[in-house]
């Protein structure tokens, strides 16, 4: 991640430092982007779904809480399972706050990507 020459000291080592390891993980990058910004930790998928009446705010259809299955002990959610979407994406300066989240199907959320919709 940093461009430094790196030699592994043990077989499972992939990074030259903890700093480089943290930078390589998507959630770490998100935490860095949000550093110093207000984050509402009270937001949950269930609460957003209740506020939005279990309806995708992108396409207008109901979400399907049963659209998931277990494969080899791993739960895999389908296209119509609910997800939290950021109206103004975090990558574009949006916050993880109640006035910037709504409910969306996983498929609709993925299709929207980092576009801003109003």
PDB file of N, CA and C in Angstrom:
ATOM      1  N   UNK A   1       0.823  -1.199   0.000  1.00  0.00           N
ATOM      2  CA  UNK A   1       0.000   0.000   0.000  1.00  0.00           C
ATOM      3  C   UNK A   1       0.867   1.264   0.000  1.00  0.00           C
ATOM      4  N   UNK A   2       2.033   1.210   0.640  1.00  0.00           N
ATOM      5  CA  UNK A   2       2.850   2.423   0.774  1.00  0.00           C
ATOM      6  C   UNK A   2       3.959   2.503  -0.279  1.00  0.00           C
ATOM      7  N   UNK A   3       4.237   1.400  -0.962  1.00  0.00           N
ATOM      8  CA  UNK A   3       5.276   1.402  -1.982  1.00  0.00           C
ATOM      9  C   UNK A   3       6.648   1.027  -1.462  1.00  0.00           C
ATOM     10  N   UNK A   4       6.771   0.798  -0.152  1.00  0.00           N
ATOM     11  CA  UNK A   4       8.056   0.394   0.420  1.00  0.00           C
ATOM     12  C   UNK A   4       8.396  -1.030   0.012  1.00  0.00           C
ATOM     13  N   UNK A   5       9.677  -1.324  -0.124  1.00  0.00           N
ATOM     14  CA  UNK A   5      10.115  -2.691  -0.389  1.00  0.00           C
ATOM     15  C   UNK A   5       9.793  -3.514   0.851  1.00  0.00           C
ATOM     16  N   UNK A   6       9.246  -4.705   0.628  1.00  0.00           N
ATOM     17  CA  UNK A   6       8.760  -5.494   1.752  1.00  0.00           C
ATOM     18  C   UNK A   6       9.157  -6.956   1.600  1.00  0.00           C
ATOM     19  N   UNK A   7       9.673  -7.512   2.672  1.00  0.00           N
ATOM     20  CA  UNK A   7      10.005  -8.938   2.736  1.00  0.00           C
ATOM     21  C   UNK A   7       9.233  -9.536   3.907  1.00  0.00           C
ATOM     22  N   UNK A   8       8.475 -10.600   3.637  1.00  0.00           N
ATOM     23  CA  UNK A   8       7.668 -11.228   4.692  1.00  0.00           C
ATOM     24  C   UNK A   8       8.558 -11.867   5.743  1.00  0.00           C
ATOM     25  N   UNK A   9       8.191 -11.660   6.998  1.00  0.00           N
ATOM     26  CA  UNK A   9       8.936 -12.240   8.114  1.00  0.00           C
ATOM     27  C   UNK A   9       8.333 -13.554   8.577  1.00  0.00           C
ATOM     28  N   UNK A  10       7.097 -13.810   8.192  1.00  0.00           N
ATOM     29  CA  UNK A  10       6.469 -15.104   8.449  1.00  0.00           C
ATOM     30  C   UNK A  10       5.455 -15.355   7.336  1.00  0.00           C
ATOM     31  N   UNK A  11       5.001 -16.599   7.150  1.00  0.00           N
ATOM     32  CA  UNK A  11       4.188 -16.967   5.981  1.00  0.00           C
ATOM     33  C   UNK A  11       2.860 -16.215   5.850  1.00  0.00           C
ATOM     34  N   UNK A  12       2.294 -15.738   6.955  1.00  0.00           N
ATOM     35  CA  UNK A  12       0.994 -15.076   6.881  1.00  0.00           C
ATOM     36  C   UNK A  12       1.105 -13.557   6.814  1.00  0.00           C
ATOM     37  N   UNK A  13       2.296 -13.045   6.808  1.00  0.00           N
ATOM     38  CA  UNK A  13       2.518 -11.603   6.770  1.00  0.00           C
ATOM     39  C   UNK A  13       2.325 -11.070   5.360  1.00  0.00           C
ATOM     40  N   UNK A  14       1.485 -10.020   5.232  1.00  0.00           N
ATOM     41  CA  UNK A  14       1.222  -9.441   3.912  1.00  0.00           C
ATOM     42  C   UNK A  14       1.575  -7.962   3.837  1.00  0.00           C
ATOM     43  N   UNK A  15       1.797  -7.324   4.979  1.00  0.00           N
ATOM     44  CA  UNK A  15       1.982  -5.880   5.005  1.00  0.00           C
ATOM     45  C   UNK A  15       3.263  -5.518   5.751  1.00  0.00           C
ATOM     46  N   UNK A  16       3.841  -4.379   5.400  1.00  0.00           N
ATOM     47  CA  UNK A  16       5.088  -3.954   6.033  1.00  0.00           C
ATOM     48  C   UNK A  16       4.854  -3.373   7.426  1.00  0.00           C
ATOM     49  N   UNK A  17       3.616  -2.926   7.699  1.00  0.00           N
ATOM     50  CA  UNK A  17       3.313  -2.351   9.011  1.00  0.00           C
ATOM     51  C   UNK A  17       1.816  -2.453   9.280  1.00  0.00           C
ATOM     52  N   UNK A  18       1.411  -2.216  10.519  1.00  0.00           N
ATOM     53  CA  UNK A  18      -0.007  -2.200  10.879  1.00  0.00           C
ATOM     54  C   UNK A  18      -0.710  -1.044  10.145  1.00  0.00           C
ATOM     55  N   UNK A  19      -0.001   0.056   9.952  1.00  0.00           N
ATOM     56  CA  UNK A  19      -0.566   1.209   9.256  1.00  0.00           C
ATOM     57  C   UNK A  19      -0.956   0.820   7.825  1.00  0.00           C
ATOM     58  N   UNK A  20      -0.073   0.124   7.125  1.00  0.00           N
ATOM     59  CA  UNK A  20      -0.375  -0.310   5.753  1.00  0.00           C
ATOM     60  C   UNK A  20      -1.503  -1.337   5.740  1.00  0.00           C
ATOM     61  N   UNK A  21      -1.538  -2.191   6.737  1.00  0.00           N
ATOM     62  CA  UNK A  21      -2.609  -3.182   6.816  1.00  0.00           C
ATOM     63  C   UNK A  21      -3.959  -2.489   6.988  1.00  0.00           C
ATOM     64  N   UNK A  22      -4.035  -1.495   7.865  1.00  0.00           N
ATOM     65  CA  UNK A  22      -5.281  -0.768   8.091  1.00  0.00           C
ATOM     66  C   UNK A  22      -5.721  -0.027   6.835  1.00  0.00           C
ATOM     67  N   UNK A  23      -4.778   0.540   6.105  1.00  0.00           N
ATOM     68  CA  UNK A  23      -5.111   1.278   4.887  1.00  0.00           C
ATOM     69  C   UNK A  23      -5.672   0.373   3.798  1.00  0.00           C
ATOM     70  N   UNK A  24      -5.302  -0.888   3.814  1.00  0.00           N
ATOM     71  CA  UNK A  24      -5.705  -1.787   2.741  1.00  0.00           C
ATOM     72  C   UNK A  24      -7.132  -2.309   2.901  1.00  0.00           C
ATOM     73  N   UNK A  25      -7.708  -2.176   4.076  1.00  0.00           N
ATOM     74  CA  UNK A  25      -9.053  -2.692   4.315  1.00  0.00           C
ATOM     75  C   UNK A  25     -10.094  -1.611   4.045  1.00  0.00           C
ATOM     76  N   UNK A  26     -11.187  -1.961   3.326  1.00  0.00           N
ATOM     77  CA  UNK A  26     -12.206  -0.973   2.959  1.00  0.00           C
ATOM     78  C   UNK A  26     -12.803  -0.254   4.167  1.00  0.00           C
ATOM     79  N   UNK A  27     -13.107  -0.972   5.240  1.00  0.00           N
ATOM     80  CA  UNK A  27     -13.700  -0.325   6.413  1.00  0.00           C
ATOM     81  C   UNK A  27     -12.714   0.657   7.041  1.00  0.00           C
ATOM     82  N   UNK A  28     -11.442   0.347   6.972  1.00  0.00           N
ATOM     83  CA  UNK A  28     -10.435   1.265   7.514  1.00  0.00           C
ATOM     84  C   UNK A  28     -10.425   2.552   6.710  1.00  0.00           C
ATOM     85  N   UNK A  29     -10.536   2.428   5.390  1.00  0.00           N
ATOM     86  CA  UNK A  29     -10.584   3.629   4.549  1.00  0.00           C
ATOM     87  C   UNK A  29     -11.830   4.452   4.864  1.00  0.00           C
ATOM     88  N   UNK A  30     -12.956   3.755   5.094  1.00  0.00           N
ATOM     89  CA  UNK A  30     -14.189   4.458   5.441  1.00  0.00           C
ATOM     90  C   UNK A  30     -14.033   5.187   6.775  1.00  0.00           C
ATOM     91  N   UNK A  31     -13.403   4.537   7.749  1.00  0.00           N
ATOM     92  CA  UNK A  31     -13.173   5.180   9.049  1.00  0.00           C
ATOM     93  C   UNK A  31     -12.289   6.411   8.891  1.00  0.00           C
ATOM     94  N   UNK A  32     -11.280   6.332   8.036  1.00  0.00           N
ATOM     95  CA  UNK A  32     -10.400   7.483   7.804  1.00  0.00           C
ATOM     96  C   UNK A  32     -11.181   8.644   7.176  1.00  0.00           C
ATOM     97  N   UNK A  33     -12.064   8.326   6.207  1.00  0.00           N
ATOM     98  CA  UNK A  33     -12.876   9.361   5.562  1.00  0.00           C
ATOM     99  C   UNK A  33     -13.801  10.045   6.558  1.00  0.00           C
ATOM    100  N   UNK A  34     -14.315   9.248   7.524  1.00  0.00           N
ATOM    101  CA  UNK A  34     -15.277   9.781   8.485  1.00  0.00           C
ATOM    102  C   UNK A  34     -14.633  10.385   9.722  1.00  0.00           C
ATOM    103  N   UNK A  35     -13.306  10.292   9.812  1.00  0.00           N
ATOM    104  CA  UNK A  35     -12.609  10.789  10.990  1.00  0.00           C
ATOM    105  C   UNK A  35     -12.966  12.259  11.241  1.00  0.00           C
ATOM    106  N   UNK A  36     -13.423  12.542  12.443  1.00  0.00           N
ATOM    107  CA  UNK A  36     -13.774  13.904  12.810  1.00  0.00           C
ATOM    108  C   UNK A  36     -15.200  14.295  12.452  1.00  0.00           C
ATOM    109  N   UNK A  37     -15.927  13.437  11.724  1.00  0.00           N
ATOM    110  CA  UNK A  37     -17.311  13.733  11.367  1.00  0.00           C
ATOM    111  C   UNK A  37     -18.251  13.043  12.348  1.00  0.00           C
ATOM    112  N   UNK A  38     -19.443  13.558  12.476  1.00  0.00           N
ATOM    113  CA  UNK A  38     -20.434  12.973  13.375  1.00  0.00           C
ATOM    114  C   UNK A  38     -21.029  11.731  12.711  1.00  0.00           C
ATOM    115  N   UNK A  39     -21.015  10.621  13.441  1.00  0.00           N
ATOM    116  CA  UNK A  39     -21.573   9.367  12.956  1.00  0.00           C
ATOM    117  C   UNK A  39     -22.655   8.941  13.939  1.00  0.00           C
ATOM    118  N   UNK A  40     -23.865   8.715  13.454  1.00  0.00           N
ATOM    119  CA  UNK A  40     -24.953   8.277  14.320  1.00  0.00           C
ATOM    120  C   UNK A  40     -24.909   6.754  14.419  1.00  0.00           C
ATOM    121  N   UNK A  41     -24.421   6.264  15.525  1.00  0.00           N
ATOM    122  CA  UNK A  41     -24.268   4.820  15.722  1.00  0.00           C
ATOM    123  C   UNK A  41     -25.589   4.129  16.079  1.00  0.00           C
ATOM    124  N   UNK A  42     -26.659   4.905  16.212  1.00  0.00           N
ATOM    125  CA  UNK A  42     -27.968   4.356  16.539  1.00  0.00           C
ATOM    126  C   UNK A  42     -28.692   3.830  15.296  1.00  0.00           C
ATOM    127  N   UNK A  43     -28.162   4.109  14.129  1.00  0.00           N
ATOM    128  CA  UNK A  43     -28.787   3.682  12.880  1.00  0.00           C
ATOM    129  C   UNK A  43     -28.606   2.172  12.716  1.00  0.00           C
ATOM    130  N   UNK A  44     -29.712   1.484  12.428  1.00  0.00           N
ATOM    131  CA  UNK A  44     -29.647   0.043  12.174  1.00  0.00           C
ATOM    132  C   UNK A  44     -30.570  -0.280  10.996  1.00  0.00           C
ATOM    133  N   UNK A  45     -30.333  -1.424  10.381  1.00  0.00           N
ATOM    134  CA  UNK A  45     -31.147  -1.841   9.247  1.00  0.00           C
ATOM    135  C   UNK A  45     -32.612  -1.969   9.659  1.00  0.00           C
ATOM    136  N   UNK A  46     -32.871  -2.559  10.815  1.00  0.00           N
ATOM    137  CA  UNK A  46     -34.252  -2.742  11.279  1.00  0.00           C
ATOM    138  C   UNK A  46     -34.955  -1.401  11.486  1.00  0.00           C
ATOM    139  N   UNK A  47     -34.257  -0.431  12.061  1.00  0.00           N
ATOM    140  CA  UNK A  47     -34.858   0.887  12.311  1.00  0.00           C
ATOM    141  C   UNK A  47     -35.121   1.635  11.002  1.00  0.00           C
ATOM    142  N   UNK A  48     -34.184   1.565  10.074  1.00  0.00           N
ATOM    143  CA  UNK A  48     -34.363   2.232   8.774  1.00  0.00           C
ATOM    144  C   UNK A  48     -35.525   1.578   8.025  1.00  0.00           C
ATOM    145  N   UNK A  49     -35.636   0.250   8.102  1.00  0.00           N
ATOM    146  CA  UNK A  49     -36.730  -0.467   7.441  1.00  0.00           C
ATOM    147  C   UNK A  49     -38.081  -0.062   8.018  1.00  0.00           C
ATOM    148  N   UNK A  50     -38.140   0.069   9.328  1.00  0.00           N
ATOM    149  CA  UNK A  50     -39.399   0.456   9.972  1.00  0.00           C
ATOM    150  C   UNK A  50     -39.810   1.862   9.541  1.00  0.00           C
ATOM    151  N   UNK A  51     -38.873   2.796   9.533  1.00  0.00           N
ATOM    152  CA  UNK A  51     -39.163   4.171   9.133  1.00  0.00           C
ATOM    153  C   UNK A  51     -39.635   4.229   7.678  1.00  0.00           C
ATOM    154  N   UNK A  52     -39.034   3.409   6.816  1.00  0.00           N
ATOM    155  CA  UNK A  52     -39.366   3.409   5.388  1.00  0.00           C
ATOM    156  C   UNK A  52     -40.423   2.364   5.027  1.00  0.00           C
ATOM    157  N   UNK A  53     -41.110   1.817   6.037  1.00  0.00           N
ATOM    158  CA  UNK A  53     -42.217   0.882   5.825  1.00  0.00           C
ATOM    159  C   UNK A  53     -41.816  -0.322   4.961  1.00  0.00           C
ATOM    160  N   UNK A  54     -40.594  -0.845   5.185  1.00  0.00           N
ATOM    161  CA  UNK A  54     -40.083  -2.010   4.440  1.00  0.00           C
ATOM    162  C   UNK A  54     -40.146  -1.818   2.920  1.00  0.00           C
ATOM    163  N   UNK A  55     -40.000  -0.572   2.472  1.00  0.00           N
ATOM    164  CA  UNK A  55     -40.104  -0.262   1.046  1.00  0.00           C
ATOM    165  C   UNK A  55     -38.789   0.323   0.536  1.00  0.00           C
ATOM    166  N   UNK A  56     -38.312  -0.217  -0.573  1.00  0.00           N
ATOM    167  CA  UNK A  56     -37.103   0.308  -1.217  1.00  0.00           C
ATOM    168  C   UNK A  56     -37.386   1.728  -1.687  1.00  0.00           C
ATOM    169  N   UNK A  57     -36.572   2.664  -1.278  1.00  0.00           N
ATOM    170  CA  UNK A  57     -36.779   4.067  -1.629  1.00  0.00           C
ATOM    171  C   UNK A  57     -36.261   4.404  -3.022  1.00  0.00           C
ATOM    172  N   UNK A  58     -35.652   3.436  -3.690  1.00  0.00           N
ATOM    173  CA  UNK A  58     -35.166   3.662  -5.054  1.00  0.00           C
ATOM    174  C   UNK A  58     -36.197   3.194  -6.085  1.00  0.00           C
ATOM    175  N   UNK A  59     -36.717   1.952  -5.913  1.00  0.00           N
ATOM    176  CA  UNK A  59     -37.667   1.428  -6.904  1.00  0.00           C
ATOM    177  C   UNK A  59     -39.114   1.437  -6.420  1.00  0.00           C
ATOM    178  N   UNK A  60     -39.334   1.570  -5.105  1.00  0.00           N
ATOM    179  CA  UNK A  60     -40.693   1.642  -4.571  1.00  0.00           C
ATOM    180  C   UNK A  60     -41.336   0.309  -4.228  1.00  0.00           C
ATOM    181  N   UNK A  61     -40.622  -0.810  -4.414  1.00  0.00           N
ATOM    182  CA  UNK A  61     -41.166  -2.132  -4.090  1.00  0.00           C
ATOM    183  C   UNK A  61     -40.761  -2.546  -2.679  1.00  0.00           C
ATOM    184  N   UNK A  62     -41.538  -3.455  -2.088  1.00  0.00           N
ATOM    185  CA  UNK A  62     -41.234  -3.957  -0.747  1.00  0.00           C
ATOM    186  C   UNK A  62     -39.943  -4.778  -0.776  1.00  0.00           C
ATOM    187  N   UNK A  63     -39.198  -4.722   0.323  1.00  0.00           N
ATOM    188  CA  UNK A  63     -38.004  -5.558   0.458  1.00  0.00           C
ATOM    189  C   UNK A  63     -38.436  -6.948   0.906  1.00  0.00           C
ATOM    190  N   UNK A  64     -37.576  -7.922   0.733  1.00  0.00           N
ATOM    191  CA  UNK A  64     -37.880  -9.312   1.097  1.00  0.00           C
ATOM    192  C   UNK A  64     -36.872  -9.799   2.125  1.00  0.00           C
ATOM    193  N   UNK A  65     -37.306  -9.830   3.390  1.00  0.00           N
ATOM    194  CA  UNK A  65     -36.418 -10.257   4.489  1.00  0.00           C
ATOM    195  C   UNK A  65     -36.071 -11.736   4.404  1.00  0.00           C
ATOM    196  N   UNK A  66     -36.827 -12.500   3.611  1.00  0.00           N
ATOM    197  CA  UNK A  66     -36.544 -13.939   3.485  1.00  0.00           C
ATOM    198  C   UNK A  66     -35.624 -14.247   2.299  1.00  0.00           C
ATOM    199  N   UNK A  67     -35.227 -13.237   1.552  1.00  0.00           N
ATOM    200  CA  UNK A  67     -34.373 -13.437   0.375  1.00  0.00           C
ATOM    201  C   UNK A  67     -32.915 -13.664   0.802  1.00  0.00           C
ATOM    202  N   UNK A  68     -32.715 -14.792   1.465  1.00  0.00           N
ATOM    203  CA  UNK A  68     -31.363 -15.178   1.893  1.00  0.00           C
ATOM    204  C   UNK A  68     -31.331 -16.687   2.050  1.00  0.00           C
ATOM    205  N   UNK A  69     -30.143 -17.231   1.943  1.00  0.00           N
ATOM    206  CA  UNK A  69     -29.979 -18.677   2.128  1.00  0.00           C
ATOM    207  C   UNK A  69     -28.605 -18.928   2.736  1.00  0.00           C
ATOM    208  N   UNK A  70     -28.446 -20.111   3.268  1.00  0.00           N
ATOM    209  CA  UNK A  70     -27.167 -20.479   3.875  1.00  0.00           C
ATOM    210  C   UNK A  70     -26.443 -21.454   2.957  1.00  0.00           C
ATOM    211  N   UNK A  71     -25.202 -21.134   2.645  1.00  0.00           N
ATOM    212  CA  UNK A  71     -24.376 -21.994   1.811  1.00  0.00           C
ATOM    213  C   UNK A  71     -23.091 -22.289   2.573  1.00  0.00           C
ATOM    214  N   UNK A  72     -22.882 -23.535   2.902  1.00  0.00           N
ATOM    215  CA  UNK A  72     -21.692 -23.961   3.651  1.00  0.00           C
ATOM    216  C   UNK A  72     -21.468 -23.124   4.916  1.00  0.00           C
ATOM    217  N   UNK A  73     -22.550 -22.856   5.641  1.00  0.00           N
ATOM    218  CA  UNK A  73     -22.447 -22.121   6.891  1.00  0.00           C
ATOM    219  C   UNK A  73     -22.355 -20.614   6.745  1.00  0.00           C
ATOM    220  N   UNK A  74     -22.441 -20.105   5.512  1.00  0.00           N
ATOM    221  CA  UNK A  74     -22.371 -18.665   5.268  1.00  0.00           C
ATOM    222  C   UNK A  74     -23.725 -18.182   4.759  1.00  0.00           C
ATOM    223  N   UNK A  75     -24.267 -17.122   5.358  1.00  0.00           N
ATOM    224  CA  UNK A  75     -25.544 -16.570   4.917  1.00  0.00           C
ATOM    225  C   UNK A  75     -25.289 -15.674   3.706  1.00  0.00           C
ATOM    226  N   UNK A  76     -26.005 -15.975   2.622  1.00  0.00           N
ATOM    227  CA  UNK A  76     -25.883 -15.207   1.383  1.00  0.00           C
ATOM    228  C   UNK A  76     -27.220 -14.515   1.138  1.00  0.00           C
ATOM    229  N   UNK A  77     -27.203 -13.190   1.111  1.00  0.00           N
ATOM    230  CA  UNK A  77     -28.420 -12.409   0.903  1.00  0.00           C
ATOM    231  C   UNK A  77     -28.646 -12.187  -0.585  1.00  0.00           C
ATOM    232  N   UNK A  78     -29.917 -12.238  -0.981  1.00  0.00           N
ATOM    233  CA  UNK A  78     -30.281 -12.069  -2.379  1.00  0.00           C
ATOM    234  C   UNK A  78     -30.471 -10.615  -2.779  1.00  0.00           C
ATOM    235  N   UNK A  79     -30.860 -10.414  -4.023  1.00  0.00           N
ATOM    236  CA  UNK A  79     -31.007  -9.074  -4.595  1.00  0.00           C
ATOM    237  C   UNK A  79     -32.065  -8.219  -3.905  1.00  0.00           C
ATOM    238  N   UNK A  80     -33.116  -8.853  -3.363  1.00  0.00           N
ATOM    239  CA  UNK A  80     -34.232  -8.090  -2.811  1.00  0.00           C
ATOM    240  C   UNK A  80     -34.202  -7.997  -1.286  1.00  0.00           C
ATOM    241  N   UNK A  81     -33.099  -8.465  -0.699  1.00  0.00           N
ATOM    242  CA  UNK A  81     -32.908  -8.305   0.745  1.00  0.00           C
ATOM    243  C   UNK A  81     -32.645  -6.819   1.011  1.00  0.00           C
ATOM    244  N   UNK A  82     -33.084  -6.295   2.155  1.00  0.00           N
ATOM    245  CA  UNK A  82     -32.895  -4.866   2.430  1.00  0.00           C
ATOM    246  C   UNK A  82     -31.452  -4.485   2.751  1.00  0.00           C
ATOM    247  N   UNK A  83     -31.121  -3.228   2.473  1.00  0.00           N
ATOM    248  CA  UNK A  83     -29.820  -2.681   2.840  1.00  0.00           C
ATOM    249  C   UNK A  83     -29.993  -1.199   3.143  1.00  0.00           C
ATOM    250  N   UNK A  84     -29.049  -0.651   3.880  1.00  0.00           N
ATOM    251  CA  UNK A  84     -29.043   0.780   4.149  1.00  0.00           C
ATOM    252  C   UNK A  84     -28.294   1.461   3.014  1.00  0.00           C
ATOM    253  N   UNK A  85     -28.936   2.455   2.406  1.00  0.00           N
ATOM    254  CA  UNK A  85     -28.303   3.226   1.347  1.00  0.00           C
ATOM    255  C   UNK A  85     -28.075   4.643   1.846  1.00  0.00           C
ATOM    256  N   UNK A  86     -26.928   5.195   1.523  1.00  0.00           N
ATOM    257  CA  UNK A  86     -26.645   6.598   1.847  1.00  0.00           C
ATOM    258  C   UNK A  86     -27.081   7.446   0.663  1.00  0.00           C
ATOM    259  N   UNK A  87     -28.006   8.373   0.909  1.00  0.00           N
ATOM    260  CA  UNK A  87     -28.549   9.222  -0.147  1.00  0.00           C
ATOM    261  C   UNK A  87     -27.417   9.987  -0.827  1.00  0.00           C
ATOM    262  N   UNK A  88     -26.619  10.672  -0.032  1.00  0.00           N
ATOM    263  CA  UNK A  88     -25.377  11.267  -0.536  1.00  0.00           C
ATOM    264  C   UNK A  88     -24.269  10.333  -0.071  1.00  0.00           C
ATOM    265  N   UNK A  89     -23.637   9.613  -0.980  1.00  0.00           N
ATOM    266  CA  UNK A  89     -22.646   8.605  -0.596  1.00  0.00           C
ATOM    267  C   UNK A  89     -21.543   9.157   0.307  1.00  0.00           C
ATOM    268  N   UNK A  90     -21.088   8.327   1.212  1.00  0.00           N
ATOM    269  CA  UNK A  90     -20.001   8.703   2.114  1.00  0.00           C
ATOM    270  C   UNK A  90     -18.775   9.105   1.296  1.00  0.00           C
ATOM    271  N   UNK A  91     -18.560   8.418   0.170  1.00  0.00           N
ATOM    272  CA  UNK A  91     -17.401   8.729  -0.679  1.00  0.00           C
ATOM    273  C   UNK A  91     -17.484  10.123  -1.295  1.00  0.00           C
ATOM    274  N   UNK A  92     -18.690  10.698  -1.308  1.00  0.00           N
ATOM    275  CA  UNK A  92     -18.881  12.041  -1.866  1.00  0.00           C
ATOM    276  C   UNK A  92     -19.137  13.074  -0.775  1.00  0.00           C
ATOM    277  N   UNK A  93     -18.788  12.715   0.475  1.00  0.00           N
ATOM    278  CA  UNK A  93     -18.924  13.664   1.573  1.00  0.00           C
ATOM    279  C   UNK A  93     -20.165  13.510   2.415  1.00  0.00           C
ATOM    280  N   UNK A  94     -21.011  12.521   2.103  1.00  0.00           N
ATOM    281  CA  UNK A  94     -22.216  12.291   2.903  1.00  0.00           C
ATOM    282  C   UNK A  94     -21.864  11.726   4.267  1.00  0.00           C
ATOM    283  N   UNK A  95     -22.786  11.874   5.208  1.00  0.00           N
ATOM    284  CA  UNK A  95     -22.567  11.381   6.567  1.00  0.00           C
ATOM    285  C   UNK A  95     -23.439  10.165   6.839  1.00  0.00           C
ATOM    286  N   UNK A  96     -23.042   9.397   7.825  1.00  0.00           N
ATOM    287  CA  UNK A  96     -23.854   8.274   8.291  1.00  0.00           C
ATOM    288  C   UNK A  96     -24.779   8.843   9.362  1.00  0.00           C
ATOM    289  N   UNK A  97     -25.818   9.543   8.897  1.00  0.00           N
ATOM    290  CA  UNK A  97     -26.757  10.214   9.790  1.00  0.00           C
ATOM    291  C   UNK A  97     -28.178   9.915   9.323  1.00  0.00           C
ATOM    292  N   UNK A  98     -29.156  10.125  10.222  1.00  0.00           N
ATOM    293  CA  UNK A  98     -30.543   9.785   9.900  1.00  0.00           C
ATOM    294  C   UNK A  98     -31.071  10.530   8.682  1.00  0.00           C
ATOM    295  N   UNK A  99     -30.638  11.741   8.450  1.00  0.00           N
ATOM    296  CA  UNK A  99     -31.160  12.481   7.298  1.00  0.00           C
ATOM    297  C   UNK A  99     -30.454  12.108   5.994  1.00  0.00           C
ATOM    298  N   UNK A 100     -29.536  11.141   6.043  1.00  0.00           N
ATOM    299  CA  UNK A 100     -28.817  10.732   4.841  1.00  0.00           C
ATOM    300  C   UNK A 100     -28.913   9.230   4.559  1.00  0.00           C
ATOM    301  N   UNK A 101     -29.807   8.527   5.253  1.00  0.00           N
ATOM    302  CA  UNK A 101     -29.959   7.087   5.001  1.00  0.00           C
ATOM    303  C   UNK A 101     -31.407   6.770   4.661  1.00  0.00           C
ATOM    304  N   UNK A 102     -31.585   5.755   3.831  1.00  0.00           N
ATOM    305  CA  UNK A 102     -32.895   5.222   3.528  1.00  0.00           C
ATOM    306  C   UNK A 102     -32.745   3.754   3.169  1.00  0.00           C
ATOM    307  N   UNK A 103     -33.865   3.069   3.017  1.00  0.00           N
ATOM    308  CA  UNK A 103     -33.868   1.636   2.749  1.00  0.00           C
ATOM    309  C   UNK A 103     -33.822   1.383   1.248  1.00  0.00           C
ATOM    310  N   UNK A 104     -33.074   0.372   0.846  1.00  0.00           N
ATOM    311  CA  UNK A 104     -32.998  -0.013  -0.567  1.00  0.00           C
ATOM    312  C   UNK A 104     -32.754  -1.514  -0.668  1.00  0.00           C
ATOM    313  N   UNK A 105     -33.258  -2.108  -1.752  1.00  0.00           N
ATOM    314  CA  UNK A 105     -32.890  -3.497  -2.048  1.00  0.00           C
ATOM    315  C   UNK A 105     -31.375  -3.537  -2.241  1.00  0.00           C
ATOM    316  N   UNK A 106     -30.751  -4.657  -1.969  1.00  0.00           N
ATOM    317  CA  UNK A 106     -29.312  -4.790  -2.216  1.00  0.00           C
ATOM    318  C   UNK A 106     -28.997  -4.512  -3.687  1.00  0.00           C
ATOM    319  N   UNK A 107     -29.866  -5.022  -4.583  1.00  0.00           N
ATOM    320  CA  UNK A 107     -29.650  -4.849  -6.015  1.00  0.00           C
ATOM    321  C   UNK A 107     -29.759  -3.372  -6.416  1.00  0.00           C
ATOM    322  N   UNK A 108     -30.772  -2.686  -5.917  1.00  0.00           N
ATOM    323  CA  UNK A 108     -30.949  -1.261  -6.236  1.00  0.00           C
ATOM    324  C   UNK A 108     -29.797  -0.432  -5.683  1.00  0.00           C
ATOM    325  N   UNK A 109     -29.362  -0.767  -4.470  1.00  0.00           N
ATOM    326  CA  UNK A 109     -28.257  -0.057  -3.835  1.00  0.00           C
ATOM    327  C   UNK A 109     -26.977  -0.243  -4.648  1.00  0.00           C
ATOM    328  N   UNK A 110     -26.738  -1.467  -5.106  1.00  0.00           N
ATOM    329  CA  UNK A 110     -25.538  -1.743  -5.908  1.00  0.00           C
ATOM    330  C   UNK A 110     -25.613  -1.022  -7.250  1.00  0.00           C
ATOM    331  N   UNK A 111     -26.792  -0.989  -7.866  1.00  0.00           N
ATOM    332  CA  UNK A 111     -26.961  -0.313  -9.147  1.00  0.00           C
ATOM    333  C   UNK A 111     -26.749   1.191  -8.999  1.00  0.00           C
ATOM    334  N   UNK A 112     -27.270   1.768  -7.902  1.00  0.00           N
ATOM    335  CA  UNK A 112     -27.113   3.202  -7.639  1.00  0.00           C
ATOM    336  C   UNK A 112     -25.640   3.538  -7.447  1.00  0.00           C
ATOM    337  N   UNK A 113     -24.900   2.626  -6.827  1.00  0.00           N
ATOM    338  CA  UNK A 113     -23.474   2.795  -6.584  1.00  0.00           C
ATOM    339  C   UNK A 113     -23.218   4.074  -5.807  1.00  0.00           C
ATOM    340  N   UNK A 114     -22.337   4.944  -6.293  1.00  0.00           N
ATOM    341  CA  UNK A 114     -22.028   6.181  -5.574  1.00  0.00           C
ATOM    342  C   UNK A 114     -22.669   7.406  -6.210  1.00  0.00           C
ATOM    343  N   UNK A 115     -23.777   7.171  -6.948  1.00  0.00           N
ATOM    344  CA  UNK A 115     -24.500   8.309  -7.536  1.00  0.00           C
ATOM    345  C   UNK A 115     -25.306   9.010  -6.441  1.00  0.00           C
ATOM    346  N   UNK A 116     -25.543  10.282  -6.639  1.00  0.00           N
ATOM    347  CA  UNK A 116     -26.368  11.048  -5.713  1.00  0.00           C
ATOM    348  C   UNK A 116     -27.767  11.150  -6.325  1.00  0.00           C
ATOM    349  N   UNK A 117     -28.786  10.673  -5.577  1.00  0.00           N
ATOM    350  CA  UNK A 117     -30.173  10.714  -6.055  1.00  0.00           C
ATOM    351  C   UNK A 117     -31.003  11.532  -5.089  1.00  0.00           C
ATOM    352  N   UNK A 118     -31.871  12.350  -5.621  1.00  0.00           N
ATOM    353  CA  UNK A 118     -32.791  13.122  -4.766  1.00  0.00           C
ATOM    354  C   UNK A 118     -34.195  12.940  -5.237  1.00  0.00           C
TER     355      UNK A 118
END
